[in-house]
C-alpha atoms as a PDB file:
ATOM      1  CA  MET A   1      -0.163 -53.086   3.610  1.00  0.00           C
ATOM      2  CA  LYS A   2       1.806 -51.216   1.623  1.00  0.00           C
ATOM      3  CA  THR A   3       2.361 -51.816  -1.726  1.00  0.00           C
ATOM      4  CA  GLU A   4       5.233 -50.852  -3.650  1.00  0.00           C
ATOM      5  CA  HIS A   5       4.168 -47.772  -5.462  1.00  0.00           C
ATOM      6  CA  SER A   6       3.539 -47.013  -1.411  1.00  0.00           C
ATOM      7  CA  VAL A   7       6.905 -47.469  -0.637  1.00  0.00           C
ATOM      8  CA  ASP A   8       8.814 -44.291   1.040  1.00  0.00           C
ATOM      9  CA  ARG A   9       6.459 -41.761  -0.183  1.00  0.00           C
ATOM     10  CA  PRO A  10       5.597 -39.116   2.376  1.00  0.00           C
ATOM     11  CA  PRO A  11       2.345 -38.280   2.960  1.00  0.00           C
ATOM     12  CA  PRO A  12      -0.303 -35.844   1.019  1.00  0.00           C
ATOM     13  CA  LEU A  13      -0.192 -32.451   1.897  1.00  0.00           C
ATOM     14  CA  ASN A  14      -3.578 -31.825   4.562  1.00  0.00           C
ATOM     15  CA  TYR A  15      -5.278 -28.722   3.334  1.00  0.00           C
ATOM     16  CA  HIS A  16      -6.228 -27.803   7.118  1.00  0.00           C
ATOM     17  CA  HIS A  17      -2.729 -27.550   7.857  1.00  0.00           C
ATOM     18  CA  LEU A  18      -2.502 -25.348   5.014  1.00  0.00           C
ATOM     19  CA  LEU A  19      -5.043 -23.251   5.864  1.00  0.00           C
ATOM     20  CA  TYR A  20      -4.298 -23.316  10.125  1.00  0.00           C
ATOM     21  CA  PHE A  21      -0.837 -22.407   8.689  1.00  0.00           C
ATOM     22  CA  TRP A  22      -2.112 -19.208   6.748  1.00  0.00           C
ATOM     23  CA  ALA A  23      -4.224 -18.291   9.379  1.00  0.00           C
ATOM     24  CA  VAL A  24      -1.429 -18.156  11.758  1.00  0.00           C
ATOM     25  CA  ALA A  25       1.143 -16.419   9.237  1.00  0.00           C
ATOM     26  CA  ARG A  26      -1.521 -14.206   8.653  1.00  0.00           C
ATOM     27  CA  GLU A  27      -2.493 -13.185  12.329  1.00  0.00           C
ATOM     28  CA  GLY A  28       1.286 -13.341  13.472  1.00  0.00           C
ATOM     29  CA  HIS A  29      -0.179 -15.011  17.035  1.00  0.00           C
ATOM     30  CA  LEU A  30      -1.476 -18.895  17.552  1.00  0.00           C
ATOM     31  CA  THR A  31      -4.346 -16.804  20.248  1.00  0.00           C
ATOM     32  CA  ARG A  32      -6.277 -14.406  17.331  1.00  0.00           C
ATOM     33  CA  ALA A  33      -5.851 -16.702  14.922  1.00  0.00           C
ATOM     34  CA  ALA A  34      -7.175 -19.800  16.935  1.00  0.00           C
ATOM     35  CA  GLN A  35     -10.194 -17.135  17.676  1.00  0.00           C
ATOM     36  CA  HIS A  36     -10.633 -16.182  14.148  1.00  0.00           C
ATOM     37  CA  LEU A  37     -11.281 -19.863  13.245  1.00  0.00           C
ATOM     38  CA  ARG A  38     -12.696 -21.120  15.970  1.00  0.00           C
ATOM     39  CA  ILE A  39     -10.945 -24.023  17.534  1.00  0.00           C
ATOM     40  CA  SER A  40      -8.873 -24.348  20.101  1.00  0.00           C
ATOM     41  CA  GLN A  41      -5.214 -22.633  20.396  1.00  0.00           C
ATOM     42  CA  SER A  42      -3.667 -26.265  21.730  1.00  0.00           C
ATOM     43  CA  ALA A  43      -5.113 -27.767  18.420  1.00  0.00           C
ATOM     44  CA  LEU A  44      -3.946 -25.067  16.214  1.00  0.00           C
ATOM     45  CA  SER A  45      -0.744 -25.516  18.018  1.00  0.00           C
ATOM     46  CA  THR A  46      -0.723 -29.599  16.836  1.00  0.00           C
ATOM     47  CA  GLN A  47      -1.821 -28.381  13.516  1.00  0.00           C
ATOM     48  CA  ILE A  48       0.949 -26.492  13.112  1.00  0.00           C
ATOM     49  CA  ARG A  49       3.198 -28.956  14.955  1.00  0.00           C
ATOM     50  CA  GLN A  50       2.172 -31.817  12.169  1.00  0.00           C
ATOM     51  CA  LEU A  51       2.677 -29.744   9.210  1.00  0.00           C
ATOM     52  CA  GLU A  52       6.507 -28.848  10.464  1.00  0.00           C
ATOM     53  CA  GLU A  53       6.937 -32.243  10.599  1.00  0.00           C
ATOM     54  CA  ARG A  54       5.856 -33.132   7.663  1.00  0.00           C
ATOM     55  CA  PHE A  55       8.046 -30.519   6.077  1.00  0.00           C
ATOM     56  CA  GLU A  56      10.860 -31.235   8.171  1.00  0.00           C
ATOM     57  CA  GLN A  57      11.995 -28.115   9.376  1.00  0.00           C
ATOM     58  CA  PRO A  58      10.328 -25.368  11.633  1.00  0.00           C
ATOM     59  CA  LEU A  59       7.759 -22.369   9.821  1.00  0.00           C
ATOM     60  CA  PHE A  60       8.035 -19.944  12.364  1.00  0.00           C
ATOM     61  CA  THR A  61      10.451 -18.517  15.245  1.00  0.00           C
ATOM     62  CA  ARG A  62       8.561 -16.809  18.454  1.00  0.00           C
ATOM     63  CA  GLN A  63       9.706 -13.259  18.872  1.00  0.00           C
ATOM     64  CA  GLY A  64       7.922 -12.000  22.464  1.00  0.00           C
ATOM     65  CA  ARG A  65       4.273 -12.753  21.815  1.00  0.00           C
ATOM     66  CA  GLN A  66       4.699 -12.792  18.270  1.00  0.00           C
ATOM     67  CA  LEU A  67       5.802 -15.477  15.572  1.00  0.00           C
ATOM     68  CA  GLN A  68       7.888 -14.956  12.650  1.00  0.00           C
ATOM     69  CA  LEU A  69       8.033 -16.897   9.519  1.00  0.00           C
ATOM     70  CA  THR A  70      11.725 -19.030   8.668  1.00  0.00           C
ATOM     71  CA  GLU A  71      13.111 -18.547   5.392  1.00  0.00           C
ATOM     72  CA  ALA A  72      11.247 -21.945   4.714  1.00  0.00           C
ATOM     73  CA  GLY A  73       8.128 -20.610   6.217  1.00  0.00           C
ATOM     74  CA  ARG A  74       8.369 -17.609   4.064  1.00  0.00           C
ATOM     75  CA  ILE A  75       8.617 -19.753   0.671  1.00  0.00           C
ATOM     76  CA  ALA A  76       5.345 -22.526   2.206  1.00  0.00           C
ATOM     77  CA  LEU A  77       3.395 -19.236   2.490  1.00  0.00           C
ATOM     78  CA  THR A  78       3.642 -18.140  -1.090  1.00  0.00           C
ATOM     79  CA  TYR A  79       2.258 -21.550  -1.940  1.00  0.00           C
ATOM     80  CA  ALA A  80      -0.512 -21.778   1.201  1.00  0.00           C
ATOM     81  CA  GLU A  81      -1.867 -17.857  -0.151  1.00  0.00           C
ATOM     82  CA  THR A  82      -2.096 -19.356  -4.079  1.00  0.00           C
ATOM     83  CA  ILE A  83      -3.977 -22.730  -2.150  1.00  0.00           C
ATOM     84  CA  VAL A  84      -6.259 -21.182   0.218  1.00  0.00           C
ATOM     85  CA  GLY A  85      -6.892 -18.388  -2.041  1.00  0.00           C
ATOM     86  CA  ALA A  86      -7.813 -20.884  -5.141  1.00  0.00           C
ATOM     87  CA  GLY A  87     -10.207 -22.706  -1.955  1.00  0.00           C
ATOM     88  CA  HIS A  88     -11.769 -19.609  -1.185  1.00  0.00           C
ATOM     89  CA  GLU A  89     -12.651 -18.561  -5.386  1.00  0.00           C
ATOM     90  CA  LEU A  90     -14.472 -21.781  -5.709  1.00  0.00           C
ATOM     91  CA  VAL A  91     -16.090 -21.822  -2.885  1.00  0.00           C
ATOM     92  CA  ALA A  92     -17.318 -18.341  -4.344  1.00  0.00           C
ATOM     93  CA  MET A  93     -18.457 -19.864  -7.692  1.00  0.00           C
ATOM     94  CA  LEU A  94     -20.078 -22.930  -6.439  1.00  0.00           C
ATOM     95  CA  SER A  95     -22.243 -20.669  -3.876  1.00  0.00           C
ATOM     96  CA  ARG A  96     -23.248 -18.484  -6.878  1.00  0.00           C
ATOM     97  CA  GLY A  97     -26.502 -18.472  -5.803  1.00  0.00           C
ATOM     98  CA  ALA A  98     -26.122 -17.785  -1.851  1.00  0.00           C
ATOM     99  CA  MET A  99     -25.166 -14.745  -0.173  1.00  0.00           C
ATOM    100  CA  PRO A 100     -21.863 -13.812  -0.676  1.00  0.00           C
ATOM    101  CA  ALA A 101     -19.998 -13.142   3.080  1.00  0.00           C
ATOM    102  CA  ARG A 102     -18.387  -9.750   2.748  1.00  0.00           C
ATOM    103  CA  GLN A 103     -14.752  -9.840   2.748  1.00  0.00           C
ATOM    104  CA  ALA A 104     -12.779  -7.480   4.032  1.00  0.00           C
ATOM    105  CA  ILE A 105      -9.967  -5.814   1.777  1.00  0.00           C
ATOM    106  CA  ARG A 106      -7.113  -4.017   4.383  1.00  0.00           C
ATOM    107  CA  VAL A 107      -5.568  -0.976   2.193  1.00  0.00           C
ATOM    108  CA  GLY A 108      -2.618   0.656   4.604  1.00  0.00           C
ATOM    109  CA  ALA A 109      -1.290   4.126   2.395  1.00  0.00           C
ATOM    110  CA  VAL A 110       1.223   6.399   3.726  1.00  0.00           C
ATOM    111  CA  ALA A 111       0.974   9.246   6.096  1.00  0.00           C
ATOM    112  CA  THR A 112       2.281  11.774   3.228  1.00  0.00           C
ATOM    113  CA  LEU A 113       0.279  10.590   0.701  1.00  0.00           C
ATOM    114  CA  SER A 114      -2.711  12.982  -1.156  1.00  0.00           C
ATOM    115  CA  ARG A 115      -6.351  11.974   0.398  1.00  0.00           C
ATOM    116  CA  ASN A 116      -7.366  13.021  -3.061  1.00  0.00           C
ATOM    117  CA  PHE A 117      -5.914  10.304  -4.951  1.00  0.00           C
ATOM    118  CA  GLN A 118      -6.315   7.654  -2.223  1.00  0.00           C
ATOM    119  CA  ARG A 119     -10.156   8.537  -2.958  1.00  0.00           C
ATOM    120  CA  ALA A 120      -9.951   7.725  -6.573  1.00  0.00           C
ATOM    121  CA  PHE A 121      -7.509   4.674  -5.998  1.00  0.00           C
ATOM    122  CA  LEU A 122     -10.562   3.167  -3.779  1.00  0.00           C
ATOM    123  CA  GLY A 123     -12.987   4.291  -6.098  1.00  0.00           C
ATOM    124  CA  PRO A 124     -14.312   0.912  -7.301  1.00  0.00           C
ATOM    125  CA  LEU A 125     -14.100  -0.781  -4.077  1.00  0.00           C
ATOM    126  CA  LEU A 126     -16.202   1.582  -2.455  1.00  0.00           C
ATOM    127  CA  GLY A 127     -19.934   0.779  -2.263  1.00  0.00           C
ATOM    128  CA  GLU A 128     -19.134  -3.074  -2.968  1.00  0.00           C
ATOM    129  CA  GLU A 129     -21.901  -4.901  -0.809  1.00  0.00           C
ATOM    130  CA  ASP A 130     -19.712  -7.766  -0.375  1.00  0.00           C
ATOM    131  CA  ILE A 131     -16.634  -6.025   0.803  1.00  0.00           C
ATOM    132  CA  THR A 132     -15.643  -3.438   4.256  1.00  0.00           C
ATOM    133  CA  LEU A 133     -12.747  -1.401   3.607  1.00  0.00           C
ATOM    134  CA  VAL A 134     -10.145  -1.153   6.455  1.00  0.00           C
ATOM    135  CA  LEU A 135      -8.066   1.543   5.897  1.00  0.00           C
ATOM    136  CA  GLN A 136      -4.828   2.561   7.626  1.00  0.00           C
ATOM    137  CA  SER A 137      -1.715   4.983   7.635  1.00  0.00           C
ATOM    138  CA  GLY A 138       1.186   4.981   8.745  1.00  0.00           C
ATOM    139  CA  SER A 139       4.763   5.255   7.989  1.00  0.00           C
ATOM    140  CA  LEU A 140       6.144   3.136   4.523  1.00  0.00           C
ATOM    141  CA  SER A 141       8.711   1.425   6.676  1.00  0.00           C
ATOM    142  CA  GLU A 142       5.640   0.917   9.358  1.00  0.00           C
ATOM    143  CA  LEU A 143       2.844  -0.341   6.914  1.00  0.00           C
ATOM    144  CA  LEU A 144       5.327  -2.589   4.887  1.00  0.00           C
ATOM    145  CA  ALA A 145       6.368  -4.992   8.006  1.00  0.00           C
ATOM    146  CA  ARG A 146       2.064  -5.203   8.407  1.00  0.00           C
ATOM    147  CA  LEU A 147       2.314  -6.081   4.941  1.00  0.00           C
ATOM    148  CA  THR A 148       4.786  -8.881   5.468  1.00  0.00           C
ATOM    149  CA  GLY A 149       2.996 -10.163   8.116  1.00  0.00           C
ATOM    150  CA  HIS A 150      -0.311 -10.261   5.504  1.00  0.00           C
ATOM    151  CA  ARG A 151      -1.706  -8.321   7.559  1.00  0.00           C
ATOM    152  CA  LEU A 152      -2.139  -5.730   5.193  1.00  0.00           C
ATOM    153  CA  ASP A 153      -3.748  -6.782   1.482  1.00  0.00           C
ATOM    154  CA  VAL A 154      -2.024  -3.604  -0.366  1.00  0.00           C
ATOM    155  CA  VAL A 155       0.187  -0.255   0.637  1.00  0.00           C
ATOM    156  CA  LEU A 156      -0.105   2.626  -1.312  1.00  0.00           C
ATOM    157  CA  ALA A 157       3.093   4.818  -1.581  1.00  0.00           C
ATOM    158  CA  ASN A 158       4.615   7.356  -3.345  1.00  0.00           C
ATOM    159  CA  ARG A 159       8.245   5.762  -3.281  1.00  0.00           C
ATOM    160  CA  ARG A 160       9.019   2.755  -4.919  1.00  0.00           C
ATOM    161  CA  VAL A 161       9.919   0.284  -2.490  1.00  0.00           C
ATOM    162  CA  HIS A 162      12.261  -2.425  -4.078  1.00  0.00           C
ATOM    163  CA  GLU A 163      11.851  -6.775  -3.450  1.00  0.00           C
ATOM    164  CA  ASP A 164      14.845  -8.230  -1.834  1.00  0.00           C
ATOM    165  CA  ALA A 165      15.619 -11.622  -0.732  1.00  0.00           C
ATOM    166  CA  GLU A 166      13.683 -11.477   2.181  1.00  0.00           C
ATOM    167  CA  HIS A 167      10.657  -9.721   1.152  1.00  0.00           C
ATOM    168  CA  ALA A 168       8.930 -10.992  -2.042  1.00  0.00           C
ATOM    169  CA  TRP A 169       7.262  -7.248  -2.392  1.00  0.00           C
ATOM    170  CA  ARG A 170       5.436  -6.357  -5.891  1.00  0.00           C
ATOM    171  CA  CYS A 171       5.616  -3.118  -6.714  1.00  0.00           C
ATOM    172  CA  VAL A 172       3.252  -1.596  -9.178  1.00  0.00           C
ATOM    173  CA  ARG A 173       3.094   2.409  -9.977  1.00  0.00           C
ATOM    174  CA  ILE A 174      -0.259   3.255  -9.976  1.00  0.00           C
ATOM    175  CA  ALA A 175       0.224   6.985 -11.836  1.00  0.00           C
ATOM    176  CA  ARG A 176       1.983   9.995 -11.568  1.00  0.00           C
ATOM    177  CA  GLN A 177       0.992  13.675 -11.513  1.00  0.00           C
ATOM    178  CA  GLN A 178       3.357  16.611 -12.539  1.00  0.00           C
ATOM    179  CA  VAL A 179       4.308  18.846  -9.223  1.00  0.00           C
ATOM    180  CA  SER A 180       2.852  22.410  -9.258  1.00  0.00           C
ATOM    181  CA  LEU A 181       3.667  25.546  -7.596  1.00  0.00           C
ATOM    182  CA  VAL A 182       0.205  26.890  -5.616  1.00  0.00           C
ATOM    183  CA  GLY A 183      -0.706  29.681  -4.066  1.00  0.00           C
ATOM    184  CA  HIS A 184      -3.447  32.320  -4.205  1.00  0.00           C
ATOM    185  CA  ARG A 185      -4.223  34.730  -6.768  1.00  0.00           C
ATOM    186  CA  ARG A 186      -1.180  36.502  -8.345  1.00  0.00           C
ATOM    187  CA  ARG A 187      -0.961  39.960  -8.966  1.00  0.00           C
ATOM    188  CA  GLY A 188       1.067  41.445 -12.236  1.00  0.00           C
ATOM    189  CA  ARG A 189       1.990  39.571 -14.597  1.00  0.00           C
ATOM    190  CA  ARG A 190       2.740  35.612 -14.639  1.00  0.00           C
ATOM    191  CA  PHE A 191       4.483  33.763 -12.398  1.00  0.00           C
ATOM    192  CA  ARG A 192       7.850  32.557 -14.316  1.00  0.00           C
ATOM    193  CA  PHE A 193       9.952  29.305 -13.705  1.00  0.00           C
ATOM    194  CA  PRO A 194      12.766  29.527 -12.964  1.00  0.00           C
ATOM    195  CA  ASP A 195      13.075  33.167 -12.282  1.00  0.00           C
ATOM    196  CA  ASP A 196      10.635  33.971  -9.960  1.00  0.00           C
ATOM    197  CA  VAL A 197      11.664  31.365  -7.245  1.00  0.00           C
ATOM    198  CA  ALA A 198      13.737  33.010  -6.103  1.00  0.00           C
ATOM    199  CA  GLY A 199      12.560  34.820  -2.761  1.00  0.00           C
ATOM    200  CA  THR A 200       8.879  33.562  -3.061  1.00  0.00           C
ATOM    201  CA  PRO A 201       7.748  32.650   0.032  1.00  0.00           C
ATOM    202  CA  LEU A 202       7.911  28.757  -0.133  1.00  0.00           C
ATOM    203  CA  ILE A 203       6.149  25.624   1.898  1.00  0.00           C
ATOM    204  CA  LEU A 204       8.114  22.438   0.756  1.00  0.00           C
ATOM    205  CA  PRO A 205       7.307  18.592   1.718  1.00  0.00           C
ATOM    206  CA  SER A 206      10.330  17.558   3.743  1.00  0.00           C
ATOM    207  CA  ARG A 207      13.825  16.806   3.466  1.00  0.00           C
ATOM    208  CA  ASP A 208      12.690  12.852   2.935  1.00  0.00           C
ATOM    209  CA  SER A 209      10.274  13.352   0.282  1.00  0.00           C
ATOM    210  CA  GLU A 210      10.618  12.500  -3.372  1.00  0.00           C
ATOM    211  CA  VAL A 211       9.423  15.744  -4.357  1.00  0.00           C
ATOM    212  CA  ARG A 212      11.564  18.074  -2.043  1.00  0.00           C
ATOM    213  CA  SER A 213      14.802  15.394  -3.183  1.00  0.00           C
ATOM    214  CA  GLY A 214      13.950  16.350  -7.042  1.00  0.00           C
ATOM    215  CA  PHE A 215      12.621  20.050  -6.006  1.00  0.00           C
ATOM    216  CA  ASP A 216      16.239  19.938  -4.723  1.00  0.00           C
ATOM    217  CA  VAL A 217      18.004  19.228  -7.608  1.00  0.00           C
ATOM    218  CA  LEU A 218      16.414  21.324  -9.992  1.00  0.00           C
ATOM    219  CA  CYS A 219      17.377  24.388  -7.419  1.00  0.00           C
ATOM    220  CA  ASP A 220      20.851  23.344  -7.925  1.00  0.00           C
ATOM    221  CA  ARG A 221      20.757  23.469 -11.618  1.00  0.00           C
ATOM    222  CA  TYR A 222      19.513  26.804 -11.783  1.00  0.00           C
ATOM    223  CA  ALA A 223      21.869  28.504  -8.652  1.00  0.00           C
ATOM    224  CA  ILE A 224      18.322  28.855  -6.436  1.00  0.00           C
ATOM    225  CA  THR A 225      18.187  29.717  -3.200  1.00  0.00           C
ATOM    226  CA  PRO A 226      15.318  29.182  -1.961  1.00  0.00           C
ATOM    227  CA  THR A 227      13.053  31.122   0.838  1.00  0.00           C
ATOM    228  CA  ILE A 228      11.346  28.352   2.865  1.00  0.00           C
ATOM    229  CA  VAL A 229       8.897  29.172   5.477  1.00  0.00           C
ATOM    230  CA  ALA A 230       7.905  25.384   6.306  1.00  0.00           C
ATOM    231  CA  GLU A 231       8.607  22.278   5.658  1.00  0.00           C
ATOM    232  CA  VAL A 232       6.052  19.556   6.115  1.00  0.00           C
ATOM    233  CA  ASP A 233       5.531  16.072   5.577  1.00  0.00           C
ATOM    234  CA  ASP A 234       1.722  15.996   5.382  1.00  0.00           C
ATOM    235  CA  MET A 235      -0.477  16.548   2.343  1.00  0.00           C
ATOM    236  CA  ALA A 236      -3.205  17.671   4.294  1.00  0.00           C
ATOM    237  CA  MET A 237      -1.326  20.257   5.999  1.00  0.00           C
ATOM    238  CA  MET A 238       0.122  21.492   3.325  1.00  0.00           C
ATOM    239  CA  ARG A 239      -3.144  22.098   1.702  1.00  0.00           C
ATOM    240  CA  LEU A 240      -4.085  24.146   4.764  1.00  0.00           C
ATOM    241  CA  LEU A 241      -1.365  26.057   5.106  1.00  0.00           C
ATOM    242  CA  ALA A 242      -0.765  26.826   0.923  1.00  0.00           C
ATOM    243  CA  ARG A 243      -4.893  28.472   1.994  1.00  0.00           C
ATOM    244  CA  ASP A 244      -3.890  30.143   5.089  1.00  0.00           C
ATOM    245  CA  LEU A 245      -0.178  31.561   4.528  1.00  0.00           C
ATOM    246  CA  ASP A 246       0.672  34.100   1.632  1.00  0.00           C
ATOM    247  CA  ALA A 247       3.213  31.870   0.715  1.00  0.00           C
ATOM    248  CA  VAL A 248       3.947  29.405  -2.756  1.00  0.00           C
ATOM    249  CA  ALA A 249       3.321  25.374  -2.433  1.00  0.00           C
ATOM    250  CA  LEU A 250       5.107  22.630  -4.277  1.00  0.00           C
ATOM    251  CA  VAL A 251       2.549  20.158  -4.531  1.00  0.00           C
ATOM    252  CA  PRO A 252       1.027  17.968  -6.671  1.00  0.00           C
ATOM    253  CA  ALA A 253      -2.324  19.300  -8.329  1.00  0.00           C
ATOM    254  CA  VAL A 254      -4.430  16.360  -7.210  1.00  0.00           C
ATOM    255  CA  VAL A 255      -3.224  17.573  -3.442  1.00  0.00           C
ATOM    256  CA  VAL A 256      -5.131  20.790  -4.060  1.00  0.00           C
ATOM    257  CA  ARG A 257      -8.011  19.805  -6.571  1.00  0.00           C
ATOM    258  CA  ASP A 258     -11.055  21.463  -4.392  1.00  0.00           C
ATOM    259  CA  GLU A 259      -8.986  24.699  -3.728  1.00  0.00           C
ATOM    260  CA  LEU A 260      -7.841  25.139  -7.786  1.00  0.00           C
ATOM    261  CA  ARG A 261     -11.732  24.528  -8.838  1.00  0.00           C
ATOM    262  CA  ALA A 262     -12.926  26.849  -6.674  1.00  0.00           C
ATOM    263  CA  ARG A 263     -10.417  29.291  -7.611  1.00  0.00           C
ATOM    264  CA  THR A 264      -9.383  29.341  -3.780  1.00  0.00           C
ATOM    265  CA  LEU A 265      -5.877  28.604  -4.563  1.00  0.00           C
ATOM    266  CA  HIS A 266      -3.962  29.337  -8.545  1.00  0.00           C
ATOM    267  CA  GLU A 267      -1.786  27.050 -10.081  1.00  0.00           C
ATOM    268  CA  TYR A 268       1.688  29.398 -10.332  1.00  0.00           C
ATOM    269  CA  ALA A 269       3.825  26.957 -12.573  1.00  0.00           C
ATOM    270  CA  ALA A 270       3.977  23.214 -13.314  1.00  0.00           C
ATOM    271  CA  VAL A 271       7.735  22.511 -12.574  1.00  0.00           C
ATOM    272  CA  PRO A 272       9.040  20.742 -15.066  1.00  0.00           C
ATOM    273  CA  ASP A 273      10.584  17.287 -14.762  1.00  0.00           C
ATOM    274  CA  LEU A 274       9.304  16.721 -11.760  1.00  0.00           C
ATOM    275  CA  PHE A 275       6.850  14.778 -10.496  1.00  0.00           C
ATOM    276  CA  GLU A 276       5.011  12.762  -7.558  1.00  0.00           C
ATOM    277  CA  GLU A 277       4.603   8.932  -8.090  1.00  0.00           C
ATOM    278  CA  PHE A 278       1.772   6.531  -6.447  1.00  0.00           C
ATOM    279  CA  PHE A 279       2.753   2.604  -5.969  1.00  0.00           C
ATOM    280  CA  ALA A 280       0.749  -0.195  -5.083  1.00  0.00           C
ATOM    281  CA  VAL A 281       2.898  -2.590  -3.380  1.00  0.00           C
ATOM    282  CA  THR A 282       1.716  -6.117  -2.428  1.00  0.00           C
ATOM    283  CA  VAL A 283       2.906  -9.283  -1.738  1.00  0.00           C
ATOM    284  CA  ARG A 284       3.694 -11.728  -4.929  1.00  0.00           C
ATOM    285  CA  ARG A 285       1.342 -14.562  -5.351  1.00  0.00           C
ATOM    286  CA  GLN A 286      -0.620 -13.151  -2.531  1.00  0.00           C
ATOM    287  CA  TYR A 287      -4.668 -14.259  -2.787  1.00  0.00           C
ATOM    288  CA  ARG A 288      -6.326 -11.116  -3.919  1.00  0.00           C
ATOM    289  CA  HIS A 289     -10.302 -10.139  -4.107  1.00  0.00           C
ATOM    290  CA  PRO A 290     -11.279  -9.503  -7.953  1.00  0.00           C
ATOM    291  CA  LEU A 291     -12.264  -6.192  -7.587  1.00  0.00           C
ATOM    292  CA  LEU A 292      -8.448  -5.446  -5.344  1.00  0.00           C
ATOM    293  CA  ARG A 293      -6.601  -7.104  -8.220  1.00  0.00           C
ATOM    294  CA  ALA A 294      -8.584  -5.111 -11.006  1.00  0.00           C
ATOM    295  CA  ALA A 295      -8.059  -1.577  -9.326  1.00  0.00           C
ATOM    296  CA  LEU A 296      -4.780  -2.631  -9.067  1.00  0.00           C
ATOM    297  CA  HIS A 297      -4.360  -2.459 -13.287  1.00  0.00           C
ATOM    298  CA  ARG A 298      -6.617   0.962 -14.308  1.00  0.00           C
ATOM    299  CA  PRO A 299      -4.961   2.564 -16.535  1.00  0.00           C
ATOM    300  CA  ALA A 300      -3.118   5.682 -15.332  1.00  0.00           C
ATOM    301  CA  ALA A 301      -5.486   7.852 -16.927  1.00  0.00           C
ATOM    302  CA  GLU A 302      -8.210   6.645 -15.412  1.00  0.00           C
ATOM    303  CA  VAL A 303      -7.378   7.122 -11.764  1.00  0.00           C
ATOM    304  CA  LEU A 304      -6.423  10.768 -12.031  1.00  0.00           C
ATOM    305  CA  ALA A 305      -9.196  11.448 -14.453  1.00  0.00           C
ATOM    306  CA  MET A 306     -11.314  10.724 -10.798  1.00  0.00           C
ATOM    307  CA  VAL A 307      -9.504  13.233  -9.127  1.00  0.00           C
ATOM    308  CA  GLU A 308      -9.527  15.878 -12.113  1.00  0.00           C
END
């Protein structure tokens, strides 16, 4: 029997509805989400439909075999992330005496990002008994799509990403390091910047790199026409070419840290006012493992100290 206070009152939200919605949103696929949750696809579909009826609007649209969040779905997901994450934390806290289940932390890194920097950022996460690291590489656009689809927890990039009306991204600068000109031991007098740049064979990042754009601006400022022997969009390849060619590479010192230590390569000059910045991109209000949260807020000096 309805009371005066229950008339027209909507039914309370069902935690399982939110949990199932969160799982489908992360997977982008009903079948995979059902397998993960260990329920039938038809039962999962029913749960999602009931939640949509509760909200009185669709949460997903179908594109081929993939499910894409609607605008309402993206809003709902920000709350579901918080609620489900709080549920995970509650279970972990009250089950402290039990052996914790391993949790995957999924990290994407743009292919052009220094491997040494990646290793430094991931340092606090390595070797933890309850964590499995899943590492993926790709272009920034590919990784951001996976982040938006909640198939990644964080994306490491060397370019700032801005939040917009469709993407609730949160971009934090982890560190930045000055860019240098690096090559084999130079004979004769010390290299001088910018005087000795012209005529020196150079290995440069590709033209879509922020570092390259900044270097081109400096060349214009000093009226330098650079001699370019290679343009490379992968820092690991730049490192190899710097070792194998009689040319000077434009790289952050972190990229060739081991070669500088071994003195197989030498720093000719730190390029003034030119830095590579390292960013971590997450989704706002997304549940994060406490160790990942700690990694995102480490002081820049501490991160760079691990690569020096």
